[in-house]
Structure formats: C-alpha cells, structure tokens
Amino acid sequence: MSASHPRLDGAINAVMFVACVFTVLMMVHVTIDVFLRVVFNAPLTGTFEIVANYHMVAVMYLPLAYVTRNEGQIIVELFTRHMSDRKLRRWDMFVNAVTAIYVLGFTYYTGLMAIE
C-alpha cells in the first residue's frame, strides 16, 4: 500500500462504502426487475435507465480514490522503470496534478450539461 494520508482515509473509506451500497442497490434492483419480468410478466419501468445512469456511474467513479490510494490500478512501467525514486515521485505528482485538473474540468462541464 502506498503512503496514505490519515486525514483523507476516512473520506476515502466513506466514499467506498457509498459505492458498495450502490453496488448492492443495483444488484437488488436488477434482481427484482428480472423476477417481476419472469414471474409476473411485469418488469419495473425504467430499470435500464436508472441502472445505467445512476448505479453504474456511482459504481464506476466512487471507488477511484480507494483504488488510487491502494495502487490497485494497472501500472505500466515501460518508460519509468529506470527513474530514480525522487524523479518517479515528481513524475507521479505531475501526473496526479494533470489528472486532477482534467477530472475537475470534466466534472464542471458535465455538471453544466446536466443542469441544462
């Protein structure tokens, strides 16, 4: 595990818990829909839209901080394997900053689109 930040650990764990709750809700929602469709020929209206637009988005994006903290993502070291530790830390800081800027911009513009 990488060096964690104690002040962020609680927030990261809380967001991961919310992602787990959304995962369970999604499974229950789909299971109820399939059961009603098969047994009573009366599926829940809007299941696909709710699952695709809410549950899956939460399940996909909320765990990102947890995965990043625990270095659970795939890392390809083709260009960085020969870097010193100091240079690698600087490179990681740069990449994290660029990623944060991109995600904030993406969140801002998609938020504006959602409001419209």
C-alpha atoms as a PDB file:
ATOM      1  CA  MET A   1       0.000   0.000   0.000  1.00  0.00           C
ATOM      2  CA  SER A   2       1.274   3.457  -0.798  1.00  0.00           C
ATOM      3  CA  ALA A   3       1.735   6.175   1.754  1.00  0.00           C
ATOM      4  CA  SER A   4      -1.721   7.146   2.885  1.00  0.00           C
ATOM      5  CA  HIS A   5      -2.915  10.450   4.216  1.00  0.00           C
ATOM      6  CA  PRO A   6      -4.673   9.904   7.567  1.00  0.00           C
ATOM      7  CA  ARG A   7      -6.899  12.949   7.101  1.00  0.00           C
ATOM      8  CA  LEU A   8      -8.190  11.574   3.797  1.00  0.00           C
ATOM      9  CA  ASP A   9      -8.556   7.930   4.818  1.00  0.00           C
ATOM     10  CA  GLY A  10     -11.935   8.463   6.480  1.00  0.00           C
ATOM     11  CA  ALA A  11     -13.371  10.274   3.472  1.00  0.00           C
ATOM     12  CA  ILE A  12     -11.970   7.702   1.048  1.00  0.00           C
ATOM     13  CA  ASN A  13     -13.405   4.829   3.081  1.00  0.00           C
ATOM     14  CA  ALA A  14     -16.786   6.596   3.337  1.00  0.00           C
ATOM     15  CA  VAL A  15     -16.960   7.115  -0.423  1.00  0.00           C
ATOM     16  CA  MET A  16     -16.003   3.478  -0.948  1.00  0.00           C
ATOM     17  CA  PHE A  17     -18.808   2.454   1.418  1.00  0.00           C
ATOM     18  CA  VAL A  18     -21.272   4.512  -0.641  1.00  0.00           C
ATOM     19  CA  ALA A  19     -20.012   2.749  -3.790  1.00  0.00           C
ATOM     20  CA  CYS A  20     -20.625  -0.611  -2.106  1.00  0.00           C
ATOM     21  CA  VAL A  21     -24.152   0.476  -1.172  1.00  0.00           C
ATOM     22  CA  PHE A  22     -24.809   1.471  -4.798  1.00  0.00           C
ATOM     23  CA  THR A  23     -23.495  -1.918  -5.924  1.00  0.00           C
ATOM     24  CA  VAL A  24     -25.916  -3.750  -3.644  1.00  0.00           C
ATOM     25  CA  LEU A  25     -28.788  -1.466  -4.698  1.00  0.00           C
ATOM     26  CA  MET A  26     -28.020  -2.133  -8.342  1.00  0.00           C
ATOM     27  CA  MET A  27     -27.991  -5.899  -7.799  1.00  0.00           C
ATOM     28  CA  VAL A  28     -31.264  -5.788  -5.873  1.00  0.00           C
ATOM     29  CA  HIS A  29     -32.878  -3.508  -8.459  1.00  0.00           C
ATOM     30  CA  VAL A  30     -31.921  -5.753 -11.387  1.00  0.00           C
ATOM     31  CA  THR A  31     -32.874  -8.916  -9.487  1.00  0.00           C
ATOM     32  CA  ILE A  32     -36.324  -7.549  -8.666  1.00  0.00           C
ATOM     33  CA  ASP A  33     -36.788  -6.450 -12.277  1.00  0.00           C
ATOM     34  CA  VAL A  34     -35.859  -9.888 -13.636  1.00  0.00           C
ATOM     35  CA  PHE A  35     -38.033 -11.648 -11.045  1.00  0.00           C
ATOM     36  CA  LEU A  36     -41.055  -9.497 -11.853  1.00  0.00           C
ATOM     37  CA  ARG A  37     -40.478  -9.911 -15.589  1.00  0.00           C
ATOM     38  CA  VAL A  38     -40.171 -13.703 -15.429  1.00  0.00           C
ATOM     39  CA  VAL A  39     -42.785 -14.492 -12.782  1.00  0.00           C
ATOM     40  CA  PHE A  40     -45.450 -11.830 -13.377  1.00  0.00           C
ATOM     41  CA  ASN A  41     -44.544 -10.601 -16.885  1.00  0.00           C
ATOM     42  CA  ALA A  42     -44.452  -7.072 -15.421  1.00  0.00           C
ATOM     43  CA  PRO A  43     -40.916  -5.612 -15.326  1.00  0.00           C
ATOM     44  CA  LEU A  44     -40.066  -2.467 -13.382  1.00  0.00           C
ATOM     45  CA  THR A  45     -40.326   0.614 -15.563  1.00  0.00           C
ATOM     46  CA  GLY A  46     -37.049   2.464 -16.106  1.00  0.00           C
ATOM     47  CA  THR A  47     -34.706  -0.147 -14.657  1.00  0.00           C
ATOM     48  CA  PHE A  48     -32.242   0.102 -17.545  1.00  0.00           C
ATOM     49  CA  GLU A  49     -32.099   3.907 -17.373  1.00  0.00           C
ATOM     50  CA  ILE A  50     -31.743   4.038 -13.591  1.00  0.00           C
ATOM     51  CA  VAL A  51     -29.052   1.350 -13.527  1.00  0.00           C
ATOM     52  CA  ALA A  52     -27.102   2.825 -16.459  1.00  0.00           C
ATOM     53  CA  ASN A  53     -27.362   6.492 -15.450  1.00  0.00           C
ATOM     54  CA  TYR A  54     -27.091   6.280 -11.672  1.00  0.00           C
ATOM     55  CA  HIS A  55     -25.977   2.948 -10.235  1.00  0.00           C
ATOM     56  CA  MET A  56     -23.251   2.181 -12.779  1.00  0.00           C
ATOM     57  CA  VAL A  57     -21.861   5.714 -12.703  1.00  0.00           C
ATOM     58  CA  ALA A  58     -21.571   5.564  -8.904  1.00  0.00           C
ATOM     59  CA  VAL A  59     -20.057   2.073  -9.003  1.00  0.00           C
ATOM     60  CA  MET A  60     -17.532   3.185 -11.615  1.00  0.00           C
ATOM     61  CA  TYR A  61     -16.352   6.529 -10.246  1.00  0.00           C
ATOM     62  CA  LEU A  62     -16.784   6.497  -6.471  1.00  0.00           C
ATOM     63  CA  PRO A  63     -14.123   3.803  -5.819  1.00  0.00           C
ATOM     64  CA  LEU A  64     -11.419   5.646  -7.791  1.00  0.00           C
ATOM     65  CA  ALA A  65      -9.880   7.303  -4.715  1.00  0.00           C
ATOM     66  CA  TYR A  66      -9.768   3.950  -2.907  1.00  0.00           C
ATOM     67  CA  VAL A  67      -8.162   2.205  -5.886  1.00  0.00           C
ATOM     68  CA  THR A  68      -5.629   5.001  -6.284  1.00  0.00           C
ATOM     69  CA  ARG A  69      -4.734   5.001  -2.579  1.00  0.00           C
ATOM     70  CA  ASN A  70      -4.157   1.239  -2.612  1.00  0.00           C
ATOM     71  CA  GLU A  71      -2.401   1.299  -6.001  1.00  0.00           C
ATOM     72  CA  GLY A  72      -4.934  -1.156  -7.402  1.00  0.00           C
ATOM     73  CA  GLN A  73      -4.840   0.223 -10.938  1.00  0.00           C
ATOM     74  CA  ILE A  74      -2.774  -1.269 -13.727  1.00  0.00           C
ATOM     75  CA  ILE A  75       0.630   0.386 -13.943  1.00  0.00           C
ATOM     76  CA  VAL A  76       2.864   0.065 -16.985  1.00  0.00           C
ATOM     77  CA  GLU A  77       6.446   0.984 -16.169  1.00  0.00           C
ATOM     78  CA  LEU A  78       7.841   0.916 -19.682  1.00  0.00           C
ATOM     79  CA  PHE A  79       9.188   4.480 -19.536  1.00  0.00           C
ATOM     80  CA  THR A  80       9.586   4.936 -15.783  1.00  0.00           C
ATOM     81  CA  ARG A  81      11.249   1.754 -14.573  1.00  0.00           C
ATOM     82  CA  HIS A  82      14.739   3.273 -14.801  1.00  0.00           C
ATOM     83  CA  MET A  83      13.856   6.501 -12.974  1.00  0.00           C
ATOM     84  CA  SER A  84      15.231   7.219  -9.535  1.00  0.00           C
ATOM     85  CA  ASP A  85      12.783   7.285  -6.623  1.00  0.00           C
ATOM     86  CA  ARG A  86      12.970  11.068  -6.416  1.00  0.00           C
ATOM     87  CA  LYS A  87      12.303  11.537 -10.133  1.00  0.00           C
ATOM     88  CA  LEU A  88       9.495   8.965 -10.038  1.00  0.00           C
ATOM     89  CA  ARG A  89       7.808  10.799  -7.128  1.00  0.00           C
ATOM     90  CA  ARG A  90       7.996  14.064  -9.095  1.00  0.00           C
ATOM     91  CA  TRP A  91       6.572  12.374 -12.172  1.00  0.00           C
ATOM     92  CA  ASP A  92       3.726  10.878 -10.096  1.00  0.00           C
ATOM     93  CA  MET A  93       2.950  14.316  -8.617  1.00  0.00           C
ATOM     94  CA  PHE A  94       2.858  15.851 -12.099  1.00  0.00           C
ATOM     95  CA  VAL A  95       0.613  13.115 -13.493  1.00  0.00           C
ATOM     96  CA  ASN A  96      -1.704  13.342 -10.468  1.00  0.00           C
ATOM     97  CA  ALA A  97      -1.969  17.125 -10.880  1.00  0.00           C
ATOM     98  CA  VAL A  98      -2.794  16.824 -14.590  1.00  0.00           C
ATOM     99  CA  THR A  99      -5.340  14.115 -13.812  1.00  0.00           C
ATOM    100  CA  ALA A 100      -6.964  16.246 -11.088  1.00  0.00           C
ATOM    101  CA  ILE A 101      -7.226  19.231 -13.456  1.00  0.00           C
ATOM    102  CA  TYR A 102      -8.775  17.032 -16.150  1.00  0.00           C
ATOM    103  CA  VAL A 103     -11.264  15.420 -13.767  1.00  0.00           C
ATOM    104  CA  LEU A 104     -12.285  18.788 -12.297  1.00  0.00           C
ATOM    105  CA  GLY A 105     -12.796  20.225 -15.784  1.00  0.00           C
ATOM    106  CA  PHE A 106     -14.714  17.155 -16.903  1.00  0.00           C
ATOM    107  CA  THR A 107     -16.882  17.302 -13.774  1.00  0.00           C
ATOM    108  CA  TYR A 108     -17.561  21.014 -14.231  1.00  0.00           C
ATOM    109  CA  TYR A 109     -18.592  20.765 -17.882  1.00  0.00           C
ATOM    110  CA  THR A 110     -20.661  17.613 -17.463  1.00  0.00           C
ATOM    111  CA  GLY A 111     -22.318  19.275 -14.464  1.00  0.00           C
ATOM    112  CA  LEU A 112     -23.246  22.238 -16.651  1.00  0.00           C
ATOM    113  CA  MET A 113     -24.659  19.882 -19.263  1.00  0.00           C
ATOM    114  CA  ALA A 114     -26.666  18.049 -16.614  1.00  0.00           C
ATOM    115  CA  ILE A 115     -28.134  21.289 -15.296  1.00  0.00           C
ATOM    116  CA  GLU A 116     -29.230  22.299 -18.808  1.00  0.00           C
END
